[in-house]
Amino acid sequence: MGVSIVIPAYNEESNIHPVLGTVCDLPGIDEVLVVNDGSSDGTSAVAGSYGVRVLDLPVNKGKGNAMYQGLLNTSGEIVVFLDADLIGITKEQVIDLYKPIADDMADMTLGIFSAGRGATDLAQKLTPFLSGQRAVKRKYLHMLGEEEWTSGYGIEVALSRFAKKHGLRVINVPLINVTHPMKEEKLGFFKGAAARMKMYWEIAKVIVRT
């Protein structure tokens, strides 16, 4: 089964290096696509310097839409989604995300941070369904509707809800020593806090949706 990696990225020129360094020459991967979600910094140029494909979206429309555009512009039967700001991700861990699907042991996998950083570890232990690191069979992704793909950060909840509703086989994959910077660290306290509240709002809207 072909494997595509999709990395949605918004203003991540300073943070995207580690994940690109891991996936740009990963054996067994058919393609890597960075979806530059209307960034105002050099995200596109940095991604391009690693030799991966870059899809530049003219306007920032949120994580869900960026993931959807990545889906439309790749072809692997397995799609691996990775956040652009990961710290500590290894080639073996990326393989661990898609191999259970390639071996027909799962339809979806969720990467769960462990032993990386207290705050991010705890968040994923409490809400593993919000993980941005996951692999999914393409055929299931095409079954999601526009409402899900336009839900911003709520897309993670939508994907996990879809998996439960349709009885997909889901495996949690521990990502030891993997973490990412907090929004307040990347943007400063006030802008970071505002971005975090926006993220929570987008997630909440999907959680309460019937």
N, C-alpha and C. Protein backbone atom coordinates (compact mmCIF):
# COMPACT_ATOMS: atom_id res chain seq x y z
N MET A 1 0.85 -1.19 0.00
CA MET A 1 0.00 0.00 0.00
C MET A 1 0.88 1.24 0.00
N GLY A 2 0.65 2.17 -0.95
CA GLY A 2 1.43 3.39 -1.00
C GLY A 2 1.20 4.25 0.23
N VAL A 3 2.22 4.96 0.65
CA VAL A 3 2.14 5.80 1.85
C VAL A 3 2.46 7.25 1.50
N SER A 4 1.55 8.14 1.85
CA SER A 4 1.75 9.59 1.68
C SER A 4 1.81 10.24 3.05
N ILE A 5 2.75 11.16 3.23
CA ILE A 5 2.83 11.94 4.46
C ILE A 5 2.37 13.36 4.16
N VAL A 6 1.43 13.84 4.95
CA VAL A 6 0.90 15.19 4.80
C VAL A 6 1.20 15.98 6.07
N ILE A 7 1.84 17.14 5.90
CA ILE A 7 2.22 17.98 7.04
C ILE A 7 1.57 19.35 6.88
N PRO A 8 0.46 19.63 7.56
CA PRO A 8 -0.12 20.97 7.51
C PRO A 8 0.75 21.93 8.32
N ALA A 9 1.01 23.11 7.76
CA ALA A 9 1.94 24.03 8.44
C ALA A 9 1.48 25.47 8.28
N TYR A 10 1.48 26.19 9.39
CA TYR A 10 1.13 27.61 9.36
C TYR A 10 2.16 28.38 10.18
N ASN A 11 2.97 29.21 9.52
CA ASN A 11 4.01 30.00 10.18
C ASN A 11 4.91 29.15 11.07
N GLU A 12 5.49 28.12 10.46
CA GLU A 12 6.33 27.19 11.21
C GLU A 12 7.78 27.17 10.70
N GLU A 13 8.25 28.26 10.10
CA GLU A 13 9.60 28.25 9.53
C GLU A 13 10.67 27.92 10.57
N SER A 14 10.44 28.27 11.83
CA SER A 14 11.45 28.03 12.87
C SER A 14 11.31 26.66 13.52
N ASN A 15 10.18 25.98 13.28
CA ASN A 15 9.90 24.75 14.01
C ASN A 15 9.81 23.51 13.14
N ILE A 16 9.75 23.68 11.82
CA ILE A 16 9.46 22.55 10.95
C ILE A 16 10.68 21.70 10.62
N HIS A 17 11.88 22.20 10.92
CA HIS A 17 13.11 21.48 10.55
C HIS A 17 13.17 20.05 11.10
N PRO A 18 12.89 19.80 12.38
CA PRO A 18 13.04 18.43 12.89
C PRO A 18 12.17 17.40 12.18
N VAL A 19 10.91 17.73 11.93
CA VAL A 19 10.03 16.74 11.30
C VAL A 19 10.43 16.52 9.84
N LEU A 20 10.84 17.58 9.14
CA LEU A 20 11.26 17.41 7.75
C LEU A 20 12.56 16.62 7.67
N GLY A 21 13.46 16.85 8.61
CA GLY A 21 14.69 16.09 8.63
C GLY A 21 14.47 14.61 8.83
N THR A 22 13.37 14.28 9.50
CA THR A 22 13.03 12.88 9.74
C THR A 22 12.39 12.22 8.53
N VAL A 23 11.49 12.91 7.85
CA VAL A 23 10.67 12.26 6.82
C VAL A 23 11.18 12.45 5.39
N CYS A 24 12.09 13.40 5.16
CA CYS A 24 12.43 13.73 3.77
C CYS A 24 13.10 12.59 3.02
N ASP A 25 13.78 11.69 3.71
CA ASP A 25 14.41 10.56 3.03
C ASP A 25 14.02 9.24 3.68
N LEU A 26 12.81 9.18 4.18
CA LEU A 26 12.33 7.99 4.89
C LEU A 26 12.03 6.85 3.91
N PRO A 27 12.66 5.70 4.06
CA PRO A 27 12.40 4.57 3.16
C PRO A 27 10.94 4.11 3.25
N GLY A 28 10.38 3.69 2.12
CA GLY A 28 9.03 3.16 2.11
C GLY A 28 7.94 4.19 1.96
N ILE A 29 8.33 5.48 1.91
CA ILE A 29 7.35 6.55 1.75
C ILE A 29 7.28 6.96 0.28
N ASP A 30 6.09 7.03 -0.27
CA ASP A 30 5.93 7.40 -1.68
C ASP A 30 6.04 8.90 -1.90
N GLU A 31 5.56 9.69 -0.95
CA GLU A 31 5.58 11.14 -1.12
C GLU A 31 5.41 11.84 0.21
N VAL A 32 6.00 13.04 0.29
CA VAL A 32 5.83 13.92 1.44
C VAL A 32 5.32 15.25 0.92
N LEU A 33 4.21 15.71 1.47
CA LEU A 33 3.63 16.98 1.04
C LEU A 33 3.45 17.90 2.24
N VAL A 34 4.06 19.07 2.19
CA VAL A 34 3.83 20.11 3.20
C VAL A 34 2.76 21.04 2.64
N VAL A 35 1.68 21.20 3.38
CA VAL A 35 0.62 22.12 2.98
C VAL A 35 0.84 23.42 3.73
N ASN A 36 1.36 24.41 3.04
CA ASN A 36 1.62 25.71 3.63
C ASN A 36 0.31 26.49 3.67
N ASP A 37 -0.27 26.60 4.86
CA ASP A 37 -1.63 27.11 5.03
C ASP A 37 -1.66 28.63 5.13
N GLY A 38 -1.28 29.30 4.04
CA GLY A 38 -1.33 30.76 4.02
C GLY A 38 -0.37 31.44 4.96
N SER A 39 0.80 30.83 5.17
CA SER A 39 1.78 31.40 6.10
C SER A 39 2.27 32.76 5.63
N SER A 40 2.64 33.61 6.60
CA SER A 40 3.21 34.92 6.29
C SER A 40 4.73 34.94 6.51
N ASP A 41 5.29 33.78 6.86
CA ASP A 41 6.74 33.69 7.08
C ASP A 41 7.37 32.83 5.99
N GLY A 42 8.52 32.27 6.24
CA GLY A 42 9.24 31.51 5.24
C GLY A 42 9.00 30.01 5.29
N THR A 43 7.85 29.58 5.79
CA THR A 43 7.55 28.16 5.90
C THR A 43 7.72 27.45 4.56
N SER A 44 7.20 28.03 3.50
CA SER A 44 7.25 27.40 2.18
C SER A 44 8.69 27.20 1.71
N ALA A 45 9.51 28.23 1.86
CA ALA A 45 10.90 28.15 1.41
C ALA A 45 11.68 27.12 2.21
N VAL A 46 11.45 27.08 3.52
CA VAL A 46 12.16 26.10 4.36
C VAL A 46 11.77 24.68 3.94
N ALA A 47 10.47 24.45 3.76
CA ALA A 47 10.02 23.12 3.36
C ALA A 47 10.61 22.73 2.01
N GLY A 48 10.60 23.66 1.07
CA GLY A 48 11.14 23.38 -0.24
C GLY A 48 12.62 23.05 -0.22
N SER A 49 13.35 23.61 0.74
CA SER A 49 14.79 23.37 0.82
C SER A 49 15.11 21.92 1.18
N TYR A 50 14.11 21.20 1.71
CA TYR A 50 14.31 19.79 2.05
C TYR A 50 13.98 18.86 0.89
N GLY A 51 13.56 19.43 -0.22
CA GLY A 51 13.26 18.61 -1.39
C GLY A 51 11.91 17.93 -1.38
N VAL A 52 11.03 18.31 -0.45
CA VAL A 52 9.70 17.73 -0.42
C VAL A 52 8.75 18.60 -1.23
N ARG A 53 7.62 18.06 -1.60
CA ARG A 53 6.61 18.85 -2.30
C ARG A 53 5.97 19.85 -1.35
N VAL A 54 5.64 21.01 -1.87
CA VAL A 54 4.98 22.05 -1.06
C VAL A 54 3.74 22.53 -1.81
N LEU A 55 2.63 22.54 -1.12
CA LEU A 55 1.39 23.10 -1.66
C LEU A 55 1.11 24.40 -0.92
N ASP A 56 1.20 25.52 -1.62
CA ASP A 56 0.98 26.83 -1.00
C ASP A 56 -0.47 27.25 -1.14
N LEU A 57 -1.17 27.34 -0.02
CA LEU A 57 -2.54 27.84 -0.02
C LEU A 57 -2.51 29.35 0.17
N PRO A 58 -3.26 30.10 -0.62
CA PRO A 58 -3.18 31.57 -0.57
C PRO A 58 -3.73 32.18 0.71
N VAL A 59 -4.68 31.49 1.34
CA VAL A 59 -5.34 32.04 2.53
C VAL A 59 -5.37 30.97 3.62
N ASN A 60 -5.11 31.38 4.84
CA ASN A 60 -5.17 30.46 5.98
C ASN A 60 -6.62 30.13 6.29
N LYS A 61 -6.96 28.84 6.16
CA LYS A 61 -8.34 28.41 6.43
C LYS A 61 -8.41 27.35 7.51
N GLY A 62 -7.32 27.10 8.19
CA GLY A 62 -7.37 26.19 9.32
C GLY A 62 -6.84 24.80 9.03
N LYS A 63 -6.57 24.07 10.10
CA LYS A 63 -5.91 22.77 10.01
C LYS A 63 -6.71 21.76 9.21
N GLY A 64 -8.00 21.69 9.46
CA GLY A 64 -8.82 20.70 8.76
C GLY A 64 -8.77 20.87 7.25
N ASN A 65 -8.91 22.11 6.80
CA ASN A 65 -8.86 22.36 5.36
C ASN A 65 -7.48 22.05 4.79
N ALA A 66 -6.42 22.39 5.53
CA ALA A 66 -5.07 22.08 5.06
C ALA A 66 -4.87 20.57 4.91
N MET A 67 -5.39 19.81 5.86
CA MET A 67 -5.30 18.35 5.77
C MET A 67 -6.09 17.84 4.58
N TYR A 68 -7.25 18.42 4.33
CA TYR A 68 -8.08 18.00 3.21
C TYR A 68 -7.39 18.30 1.88
N GLN A 69 -6.79 19.47 1.77
CA GLN A 69 -6.06 19.81 0.55
C GLN A 69 -4.88 18.85 0.36
N GLY A 70 -4.27 18.44 1.46
CA GLY A 70 -3.21 17.44 1.38
C GLY A 70 -3.73 16.11 0.88
N LEU A 71 -4.92 15.73 1.35
CA LEU A 71 -5.55 14.49 0.89
C LEU A 71 -5.80 14.54 -0.61
N LEU A 72 -6.32 15.66 -1.10
CA LEU A 72 -6.66 15.79 -2.51
C LEU A 72 -5.43 15.81 -3.41
N ASN A 73 -4.29 16.17 -2.86
CA ASN A 73 -3.08 16.33 -3.67
C ASN A 73 -2.04 15.25 -3.42
N THR A 74 -2.48 14.13 -2.84
CA THR A 74 -1.61 12.97 -2.67
C THR A 74 -2.36 11.74 -3.17
N SER A 75 -1.68 10.61 -3.22
CA SER A 75 -2.32 9.43 -3.81
C SER A 75 -2.13 8.13 -3.03
N GLY A 76 -1.34 8.14 -1.97
CA GLY A 76 -1.10 6.91 -1.22
C GLY A 76 -2.36 6.33 -0.61
N GLU A 77 -2.44 5.02 -0.57
CA GLU A 77 -3.60 4.37 0.05
C GLU A 77 -3.61 4.57 1.57
N ILE A 78 -2.44 4.86 2.13
CA ILE A 78 -2.32 5.21 3.54
C ILE A 78 -1.84 6.65 3.62
N VAL A 79 -2.54 7.46 4.42
CA VAL A 79 -2.14 8.86 4.60
C VAL A 79 -1.71 9.06 6.04
N VAL A 80 -0.49 9.54 6.21
CA VAL A 80 0.05 9.84 7.53
C VAL A 80 0.04 11.35 7.72
N PHE A 81 -0.65 11.82 8.76
CA PHE A 81 -0.68 13.24 9.09
C PHE A 81 0.28 13.49 10.26
N LEU A 82 1.15 14.48 10.09
CA LEU A 82 2.09 14.86 11.15
C LEU A 82 2.03 16.36 11.36
N ASP A 83 2.08 16.80 12.62
CA ASP A 83 2.16 18.22 12.91
C ASP A 83 3.53 18.75 12.48
N ALA A 84 3.57 20.02 12.12
CA ALA A 84 4.80 20.61 11.60
C ALA A 84 5.81 20.96 12.69
N ASP A 85 5.39 21.01 13.95
CA ASP A 85 6.28 21.48 15.02
C ASP A 85 6.74 20.37 15.95
N LEU A 86 6.75 19.13 15.47
CA LEU A 86 7.15 18.02 16.33
C LEU A 86 8.62 18.11 16.71
N ILE A 87 8.89 17.71 17.94
CA ILE A 87 10.25 17.64 18.46
C ILE A 87 10.53 16.20 18.88
N GLY A 88 11.59 15.62 18.35
CA GLY A 88 11.99 14.28 18.79
C GLY A 88 11.43 13.13 17.99
N ILE A 89 10.64 13.38 16.96
CA ILE A 89 10.06 12.30 16.17
C ILE A 89 11.18 11.57 15.40
N THR A 90 11.11 10.25 15.37
CA THR A 90 12.13 9.45 14.70
C THR A 90 11.54 8.74 13.48
N LYS A 91 12.42 8.27 12.61
CA LYS A 91 11.97 7.53 11.44
C LYS A 91 11.22 6.28 11.86
N GLU A 92 11.72 5.60 12.89
CA GLU A 92 11.08 4.37 13.35
C GLU A 92 9.66 4.64 13.84
N GLN A 93 9.45 5.79 14.49
CA GLN A 93 8.13 6.11 15.00
C GLN A 93 7.14 6.42 13.88
N VAL A 94 7.63 7.07 12.83
CA VAL A 94 6.76 7.31 11.68
C VAL A 94 6.35 5.98 11.05
N ILE A 95 7.31 5.07 10.92
CA ILE A 95 7.00 3.74 10.40
C ILE A 95 6.00 3.03 11.29
N ASP A 96 6.16 3.18 12.61
CA ASP A 96 5.24 2.55 13.55
C ASP A 96 3.81 3.06 13.37
N LEU A 97 3.66 4.27 12.85
CA LEU A 97 2.33 4.81 12.65
C LEU A 97 1.61 4.14 11.47
N TYR A 98 2.32 3.89 10.39
CA TYR A 98 1.62 3.35 9.22
C TYR A 98 1.74 1.84 9.05
N LYS A 99 2.72 1.21 9.70
CA LYS A 99 2.92 -0.23 9.50
C LYS A 99 1.73 -1.08 9.93
N PRO A 100 1.05 -0.80 11.05
CA PRO A 100 -0.12 -1.62 11.40
C PRO A 100 -1.20 -1.60 10.32
N ILE A 101 -1.30 -0.48 9.60
CA ILE A 101 -2.29 -0.40 8.52
C ILE A 101 -1.80 -1.18 7.32
N ALA A 102 -0.53 -1.01 6.98
CA ALA A 102 0.04 -1.76 5.86
C ALA A 102 -0.05 -3.26 6.09
N ASP A 103 0.05 -3.69 7.36
CA ASP A 103 -0.03 -5.11 7.71
C ASP A 103 -1.47 -5.56 7.94
N ASP A 104 -2.44 -4.68 7.66
CA ASP A 104 -3.87 -4.96 7.83
C ASP A 104 -4.24 -5.34 9.26
N MET A 105 -3.57 -4.68 10.20
CA MET A 105 -3.92 -4.86 11.61
C MET A 105 -4.76 -3.71 12.13
N ALA A 106 -4.86 -2.63 11.36
CA ALA A 106 -5.60 -1.44 11.79
C ALA A 106 -6.07 -0.67 10.57
N ASP A 107 -7.09 0.17 10.80
CA ASP A 107 -7.58 1.09 9.78
C ASP A 107 -7.12 2.51 10.06
N MET A 108 -6.77 2.76 11.32
CA MET A 108 -6.31 4.07 11.76
C MET A 108 -5.38 3.88 12.95
N THR A 109 -4.34 4.70 13.03
CA THR A 109 -3.48 4.70 14.20
C THR A 109 -3.41 6.12 14.76
N LEU A 110 -3.20 6.20 16.08
CA LEU A 110 -3.04 7.48 16.76
C LEU A 110 -1.69 7.50 17.45
N GLY A 111 -0.89 8.51 17.19
CA GLY A 111 0.38 8.64 17.88
C GLY A 111 0.20 9.41 19.18
N ILE A 112 0.62 8.80 20.29
CA ILE A 112 0.41 9.38 21.61
C ILE A 112 1.77 9.72 22.25
N PHE A 113 1.96 11.01 22.57
CA PHE A 113 3.20 11.43 23.21
C PHE A 113 3.41 10.71 24.54
N SER A 114 4.65 10.34 24.81
CA SER A 114 4.97 9.68 26.07
C SER A 114 6.41 9.98 26.44
N ALA A 115 6.64 10.36 27.69
CA ALA A 115 7.98 10.60 28.23
C ALA A 115 8.71 11.72 27.49
N GLY A 116 7.96 12.62 26.88
CA GLY A 116 8.58 13.73 26.18
C GLY A 116 8.58 15.02 26.98
N ARG A 117 7.41 15.36 27.49
CA ARG A 117 7.25 16.60 28.24
C ARG A 117 5.96 16.49 29.03
N GLY A 118 5.99 16.86 30.29
CA GLY A 118 4.85 16.63 31.16
C GLY A 118 3.54 17.17 30.64
N ALA A 119 3.54 18.44 30.19
CA ALA A 119 2.29 19.08 29.78
C ALA A 119 1.68 18.41 28.56
N THR A 120 2.51 18.13 27.55
CA THR A 120 1.97 17.52 26.34
C THR A 120 1.64 16.04 26.56
N ASP A 121 2.42 15.35 27.38
CA ASP A 121 2.12 13.95 27.70
C ASP A 121 0.75 13.84 28.37
N LEU A 122 0.53 14.71 29.36
CA LEU A 122 -0.73 14.66 30.12
C LEU A 122 -1.91 14.97 29.21
N ALA A 123 -1.76 15.95 28.35
CA ALA A 123 -2.86 16.32 27.46
C ALA A 123 -3.27 15.15 26.58
N GLN A 124 -2.29 14.39 26.09
CA GLN A 124 -2.61 13.28 25.19
C GLN A 124 -3.10 12.06 25.95
N LYS A 125 -2.69 11.91 27.20
CA LYS A 125 -3.23 10.83 28.01
C LYS A 125 -4.71 11.07 28.32
N LEU A 126 -5.05 12.34 28.56
CA LEU A 126 -6.44 12.68 28.88
C LEU A 126 -7.32 12.70 27.64
N THR A 127 -6.76 13.17 26.51
CA THR A 127 -7.55 13.30 25.28
C THR A 127 -6.77 12.76 24.09
N PRO A 128 -6.55 11.45 24.04
CA PRO A 128 -5.78 10.87 22.93
C PRO A 128 -6.43 11.09 21.57
N PHE A 129 -7.75 11.29 21.56
CA PHE A 129 -8.47 11.49 20.30
C PHE A 129 -8.14 12.82 19.64
N LEU A 130 -7.37 13.69 20.33
CA LEU A 130 -6.99 14.97 19.76
C LEU A 130 -5.61 14.94 19.12
N SER A 131 -5.00 13.79 19.07
CA SER A 131 -3.65 13.70 18.52
C SER A 131 -3.62 14.10 17.04
N GLY A 132 -2.62 14.92 16.68
CA GLY A 132 -2.44 15.30 15.28
C GLY A 132 -1.58 14.33 14.51
N GLN A 133 -1.04 13.33 15.21
CA GLN A 133 -0.18 12.34 14.56
C GLN A 133 -1.01 11.08 14.36
N ARG A 134 -1.36 10.81 13.13
CA ARG A 134 -2.18 9.62 12.87
C ARG A 134 -2.00 9.17 11.42
N ALA A 135 -2.28 7.91 11.20
CA ALA A 135 -2.30 7.34 9.86
C ALA A 135 -3.69 6.76 9.63
N VAL A 136 -4.18 6.91 8.41
CA VAL A 136 -5.55 6.49 8.10
C VAL A 136 -5.60 5.94 6.68
N LYS A 137 -6.42 4.92 6.47
CA LYS A 137 -6.67 4.45 5.12
C LYS A 137 -7.40 5.54 4.33
N ARG A 138 -6.90 5.84 3.17
CA ARG A 138 -7.45 6.92 2.35
C ARG A 138 -8.95 6.77 2.12
N LYS A 139 -9.41 5.56 1.89
CA LYS A 139 -10.81 5.37 1.54
C LYS A 139 -11.75 5.90 2.63
N TYR A 140 -11.30 5.84 3.88
CA TYR A 140 -12.14 6.35 4.97
C TYR A 140 -12.11 7.87 5.03
N LEU A 141 -10.98 8.46 4.72
CA LEU A 141 -10.88 9.92 4.73
C LEU A 141 -11.83 10.54 3.72
N HIS A 142 -12.01 9.87 2.59
CA HIS A 142 -12.90 10.39 1.56
C HIS A 142 -14.38 10.29 1.96
N MET A 143 -14.65 9.59 3.05
CA MET A 143 -16.03 9.46 3.51
C MET A 143 -16.44 10.61 4.42
N LEU A 144 -15.48 11.41 4.89
CA LEU A 144 -15.81 12.56 5.73
C LEU A 144 -16.43 13.67 4.89
N GLY A 145 -17.36 14.42 5.48
CA GLY A 145 -18.04 15.48 4.76
C GLY A 145 -17.35 16.83 4.92
N GLU A 146 -17.86 17.81 4.21
CA GLU A 146 -17.28 19.16 4.23
C GLU A 146 -17.31 19.76 5.63
N GLU A 147 -18.34 19.48 6.38
CA GLU A 147 -18.46 20.05 7.72
C GLU A 147 -17.28 19.64 8.60
N GLU A 148 -16.85 18.39 8.46
CA GLU A 148 -15.71 17.92 9.25
C GLU A 148 -14.41 18.58 8.80
N TRP A 149 -14.19 18.65 7.48
CA TRP A 149 -12.93 19.18 6.97
C TRP A 149 -12.79 20.67 7.17
N THR A 150 -13.88 21.36 7.42
CA THR A 150 -13.82 22.81 7.64
C THR A 150 -13.91 23.17 9.12
N SER A 151 -13.67 22.21 9.98
CA SER A 151 -13.83 22.43 11.43
C SER A 151 -12.53 22.86 12.11
N GLY A 152 -11.50 23.22 11.34
CA GLY A 152 -10.26 23.67 11.95
C GLY A 152 -9.61 22.59 12.80
N TYR A 153 -9.26 22.93 14.03
CA TYR A 153 -8.66 21.96 14.94
C TYR A 153 -9.65 20.87 15.34
N GLY A 154 -10.91 21.07 15.08
CA GLY A 154 -11.91 20.06 15.39
C GLY A 154 -11.81 18.81 14.53
N ILE A 155 -10.98 18.86 13.49
CA ILE A 155 -10.85 17.71 12.60
C ILE A 155 -10.39 16.46 13.33
N GLU A 156 -9.57 16.62 14.37
CA GLU A 156 -9.08 15.44 15.09
C GLU A 156 -10.23 14.74 15.81
N VAL A 157 -11.11 15.52 16.43
CA VAL A 157 -12.29 14.94 17.07
C VAL A 157 -13.17 14.27 16.03
N ALA A 158 -13.35 14.95 14.89
CA ALA A 158 -14.19 14.41 13.83
C ALA A 158 -13.67 13.07 13.33
N LEU A 159 -12.36 12.96 13.15
CA LEU A 159 -11.77 11.71 12.69
C LEU A 159 -11.96 10.59 13.71
N SER A 160 -11.75 10.89 14.98
CA SER A 160 -11.90 9.88 16.02
C SER A 160 -13.36 9.47 16.17
N ARG A 161 -14.27 10.43 16.05
CA ARG A 161 -15.70 10.12 16.12
C ARG A 161 -16.11 9.24 14.95
N PHE A 162 -15.60 9.56 13.76
CA PHE A 162 -15.91 8.77 12.57
C PHE A 162 -15.43 7.33 12.76
N ALA A 163 -14.22 7.18 13.29
CA ALA A 163 -13.67 5.84 13.50
C ALA A 163 -14.55 5.02 14.44
N LYS A 164 -15.02 5.64 15.50
CA LYS A 164 -15.88 4.93 16.46
C LYS A 164 -17.22 4.58 15.84
N LYS A 165 -17.80 5.51 15.11
CA LYS A 165 -19.12 5.30 14.50
C LYS A 165 -19.10 4.17 13.48
N HIS A 166 -18.02 4.07 12.73
CA HIS A 166 -17.96 3.08 11.65
C HIS A 166 -17.18 1.82 12.03
N GLY A 167 -16.82 1.71 13.30
CA GLY A 167 -16.17 0.50 13.78
C GLY A 167 -14.78 0.26 13.21
N LEU A 168 -14.04 1.33 12.97
CA LEU A 168 -12.69 1.17 12.44
C LEU A 168 -11.77 0.59 13.51
N ARG A 169 -10.82 -0.19 13.07
CA ARG A 169 -9.82 -0.74 13.97
C ARG A 169 -8.77 0.35 14.22
N VAL A 170 -8.68 0.80 15.48
CA VAL A 170 -7.78 1.90 15.84
C VAL A 170 -6.74 1.40 16.84
N ILE A 171 -5.48 1.70 16.56
CA ILE A 171 -4.38 1.33 17.45
C ILE A 171 -3.65 2.60 17.90
N ASN A 172 -3.41 2.71 19.21
CA ASN A 172 -2.61 3.80 19.74
C ASN A 172 -1.13 3.43 19.67
N VAL A 173 -0.33 4.34 19.14
CA VAL A 173 1.10 4.11 18.98
C VAL A 173 1.85 5.07 19.90
N PRO A 174 2.60 4.57 20.88
CA PRO A 174 3.35 5.47 21.77
C PRO A 174 4.48 6.15 21.02
N LEU A 175 4.58 7.46 21.19
CA LEU A 175 5.67 8.24 20.59
C LEU A 175 6.57 8.70 21.73
N ILE A 176 7.53 7.85 22.08
CA ILE A 176 8.39 8.09 23.23
C ILE A 176 9.32 9.27 22.95
N ASN A 177 9.41 10.18 23.93
CA ASN A 177 10.29 11.35 23.86
C ASN A 177 9.91 12.35 22.77
N VAL A 178 8.67 12.30 22.32
CA VAL A 178 8.19 13.26 21.31
C VAL A 178 7.31 14.30 21.99
N THR A 179 7.45 15.54 21.57
CA THR A 179 6.63 16.62 22.10
C THR A 179 6.55 17.72 21.06
N HIS A 180 6.01 18.86 21.45
CA HIS A 180 6.01 20.04 20.58
C HIS A 180 5.94 21.28 21.46
N PRO A 181 6.34 22.44 20.95
CA PRO A 181 6.27 23.66 21.76
C PRO A 181 4.82 24.09 21.99
N MET A 182 4.58 24.71 23.12
CA MET A 182 3.26 25.24 23.42
C MET A 182 3.03 26.51 22.59
N LYS A 183 1.77 26.81 22.33
CA LYS A 183 1.45 28.00 21.52
C LYS A 183 1.99 29.28 22.17
N GLU A 184 1.95 29.33 23.49
CA GLU A 184 2.45 30.52 24.19
C GLU A 184 3.96 30.68 23.99
N GLU A 185 4.66 29.57 23.81
CA GLU A 185 6.10 29.63 23.57
C GLU A 185 6.41 30.11 22.16
N LYS A 186 5.58 29.71 21.22
CA LYS A 186 5.82 30.09 19.83
C LYS A 186 5.38 31.52 19.53
N LEU A 187 4.28 31.94 20.14
CA LEU A 187 3.66 33.22 19.77
C LEU A 187 3.78 34.30 20.83
N GLY A 188 4.28 33.97 21.99
CA GLY A 188 4.21 34.89 23.11
C GLY A 188 2.94 34.60 23.90
N PHE A 189 2.89 35.08 25.15
CA PHE A 189 1.80 34.67 26.04
C PHE A 189 0.43 35.08 25.52
N PHE A 190 0.23 36.33 25.18
CA PHE A 190 -1.11 36.81 24.83
C PHE A 190 -1.59 36.25 23.49
N LYS A 191 -0.74 36.32 22.46
CA LYS A 191 -1.13 35.76 21.17
C LYS A 191 -1.29 34.25 21.27
N GLY A 192 -0.42 33.62 22.04
CA GLY A 192 -0.50 32.18 22.21
C GLY A 192 -1.77 31.76 22.93
N ALA A 193 -2.12 32.51 23.96
CA ALA A 193 -3.34 32.21 24.71
C ALA A 193 -4.57 32.38 23.82
N ALA A 194 -4.55 33.42 22.99
CA ALA A 194 -5.68 33.65 22.06
C ALA A 194 -5.78 32.51 21.06
N ALA A 195 -4.63 32.06 20.55
CA ALA A 195 -4.63 30.95 19.60
C ALA A 195 -5.12 29.66 20.26
N ARG A 196 -4.74 29.48 21.53
CA ARG A 196 -5.19 28.29 22.25
C ARG A 196 -6.70 28.31 22.46
N MET A 197 -7.25 29.46 22.80
CA MET A 197 -8.70 29.57 22.99
C MET A 197 -9.44 29.30 21.69
N LYS A 198 -8.89 29.79 20.58
CA LYS A 198 -9.50 29.51 19.27
C LYS A 198 -9.48 28.02 18.98
N MET A 199 -8.37 27.37 19.30
CA MET A 199 -8.28 25.93 19.10
C MET A 199 -9.32 25.19 19.94
N TYR A 200 -9.43 25.57 21.22
CA TYR A 200 -10.40 24.92 22.10
C TYR A 200 -11.83 25.14 21.59
N TRP A 201 -12.10 26.33 21.07
CA TRP A 201 -13.44 26.64 20.57
C TRP A 201 -13.77 25.76 19.37
N GLU A 202 -12.83 25.61 18.45
CA GLU A 202 -13.07 24.77 17.27
C GLU A 202 -13.27 23.31 17.67
N ILE A 203 -12.51 22.85 18.66
CA ILE A 203 -12.67 21.48 19.15
C ILE A 203 -14.02 21.31 19.82
N ALA A 204 -14.39 22.28 20.66
CA ALA A 204 -15.65 22.19 21.40
C ALA A 204 -16.85 22.14 20.46
N LYS A 205 -16.80 22.89 19.39
CA LYS A 205 -17.94 22.92 18.44
C LYS A 205 -18.19 21.54 17.84
N VAL A 206 -17.11 20.80 17.59
CA VAL A 206 -17.27 19.48 17.04
C VAL A 206 -17.72 18.50 18.12
N ILE A 207 -17.20 18.63 19.33
CA ILE A 207 -17.59 17.73 20.41
C ILE A 207 -19.08 17.80 20.71
N VAL A 208 -19.64 19.01 20.69
CA VAL A 208 -21.06 19.16 21.03
C VAL A 208 -21.97 18.92 19.84
N ARG A 209 -21.40 18.75 18.65
CA ARG A 209 -22.22 18.52 17.46
C ARG A 209 -22.89 17.16 17.56
N THR A 210 -24.14 17.10 17.25
CA THR A 210 -24.87 15.83 17.31
C THR A 210 -24.71 15.06 16.01
